[in-house]
Protein backbone atom coordinates (compact mmCIF):
# COMPACT_ATOMS: atom_id res chain seq x y z
CA MET A 1 88.81 96.20 120.74
CA ALA A 2 91.75 96.15 123.14
CA GLY A 3 93.52 99.38 124.05
CA SER A 4 96.91 100.44 122.82
CA LEU A 5 99.89 98.43 124.07
CA LEU A 6 102.29 101.34 123.62
CA HIS A 7 102.47 105.08 124.10
CA TRP A 8 103.14 106.66 120.70
CA MET A 9 105.09 109.87 120.22
CA ARG A 10 106.41 111.77 117.23
CA GLY A 11 109.96 111.12 116.12
CA ARG A 12 111.73 112.76 113.18
CA CYS A 13 109.98 115.43 111.12
CA ASP A 14 110.60 116.59 107.56
CA GLU A 15 112.03 120.07 108.11
CA GLU A 16 112.78 120.71 104.43
CA SER A 17 109.27 120.76 103.02
CA ALA A 18 106.93 123.76 102.99
CA THR A 19 104.48 121.82 105.16
CA PRO A 20 106.43 119.88 107.83
CA ARG A 21 105.35 116.24 108.10
CA THR A 22 106.07 113.61 110.69
CA LEU A 23 108.38 110.96 109.25
CA GLU A 24 108.48 108.62 112.25
CA TRP A 25 106.30 107.53 115.16
CA ILE A 26 107.90 105.77 118.13
CA GLY A 27 106.00 103.32 120.33
CA CYS A 28 107.26 103.17 123.92
CA ASN A 29 106.28 100.85 126.75
CA ASP A 30 105.35 102.07 130.25
CA ALA A 31 109.06 102.28 131.18
CA GLY A 32 109.73 104.64 128.26
CA GLU A 33 111.70 102.13 126.18
CA ALA A 34 111.24 102.29 122.39
CA ILE A 35 109.63 99.00 121.35
CA ALA A 36 108.23 99.72 117.88
CA ARG A 37 108.58 102.32 115.12
CA VAL A 38 106.49 103.43 112.18
CA VAL A 39 108.57 105.17 109.52
CA ARG A 40 107.46 107.01 106.38
CA LEU A 41 109.41 105.91 103.35
CA GLN A 42 110.32 109.00 101.39
CA GLY A 43 110.14 108.72 97.65
CA PRO A 44 111.97 110.81 95.08
CA LEU A 45 112.06 114.56 95.60
CA GLU A 46 110.13 116.44 92.92
CA THR A 47 110.46 120.17 92.26
CA GLY A 48 108.66 121.50 89.24
CA TRP A 49 109.47 119.20 86.34
CA ARG A 50 112.65 117.79 87.94
CA ARG A 51 112.80 114.55 89.88
CA TYR A 52 115.73 113.74 92.19
CA GLN A 53 116.49 110.14 93.13
CA ALA A 54 119.42 111.19 95.37
CA VAL A 55 119.20 114.15 97.75
CA ALA A 56 122.25 115.86 99.30
CA LEU A 57 122.17 115.92 103.10
CA ASP A 58 124.97 118.46 103.53
CA ALA A 59 126.10 121.62 101.72
CA GLU A 60 129.08 119.90 100.06
CA ALA A 61 126.96 116.93 98.93
CA ARG A 62 129.29 114.47 100.65
CA LEU A 63 126.35 112.69 102.24
CA ILE A 64 123.45 111.71 100.06
CA GLN A 65 120.21 109.88 100.61
CA LEU A 66 118.80 107.60 97.92
CA ARG A 67 115.05 107.97 97.55
CA LEU A 68 113.50 105.19 95.56
CA PRO A 69 109.72 105.11 95.18
CA PRO A 70 108.01 102.99 97.86
CA PRO A 71 105.78 100.11 96.74
CA GLU A 72 102.22 101.07 95.79
CA GLY A 73 100.21 101.84 98.92
CA GLY A 74 103.12 101.14 101.26
CA ASP A 75 104.47 104.55 102.25
CA TRP A 76 104.61 103.62 105.95
CA LEU A 77 106.82 100.82 107.26
CA ALA A 78 106.01 99.22 110.64
CA TYR A 79 108.66 97.37 112.56
CA VAL A 80 109.20 95.90 116.00
CA GLY A 81 112.79 95.67 117.13
CA GLY A 82 114.75 95.12 113.94
CA ARG A 83 112.02 93.11 112.20
CA VAL A 84 109.64 94.55 109.61
CA VAL A 85 106.08 93.51 110.47
CA GLY A 86 104.17 95.26 107.68
CA ARG A 87 103.53 98.18 105.36
CA ALA A 88 100.56 100.54 105.20
CA SER A 89 99.32 103.54 103.29
CA LEU A 90 98.53 105.52 106.47
CA PRO A 91 100.49 105.89 109.73
CA LEU A 92 97.61 104.73 111.97
CA GLN A 93 97.28 101.53 109.92
CA ALA A 94 101.02 100.91 110.42
CA VAL A 95 100.67 101.55 114.17
CA ARG A 96 97.88 98.97 114.34
CA THR A 97 100.02 96.51 112.37
CA ALA A 98 102.91 96.95 114.82
CA GLU A 99 100.63 96.51 117.84
CA ALA A 100 98.99 93.41 116.31
CA ALA A 101 102.46 91.92 115.87
CA LEU A 102 103.24 92.67 119.52
CA ARG A 103 99.97 91.08 120.68
CA GLY A 104 100.88 87.94 118.75
CA ARG A 105 104.36 87.97 120.26
CA PHE A 106 103.14 88.14 123.88
CA ARG A 107 100.38 85.52 123.63
CA SER A 108 101.14 82.23 125.30
């Protein structure tokens, strides 16, 4: 199996939850340019018996984020540039999907 094409680093993290989770992985080339991203699609926020489809991002609730449930088994979205190249249930699977798309792109 060929080695990794990119250097992966953590991006955004979920600061609001009790157990912080990484929401984004960024794949950079040797020059440090972001080439690919793997992003966790956040579903509805559930607290106790309540389920919130829209979450306020500021204290006045002027900015909201809509959180629709991701497709079954597709919590992680892999994309290269502005193009979606696949979905996966785990971040490493999405990273491999992004790198496979890059390998296909650079073949002659």
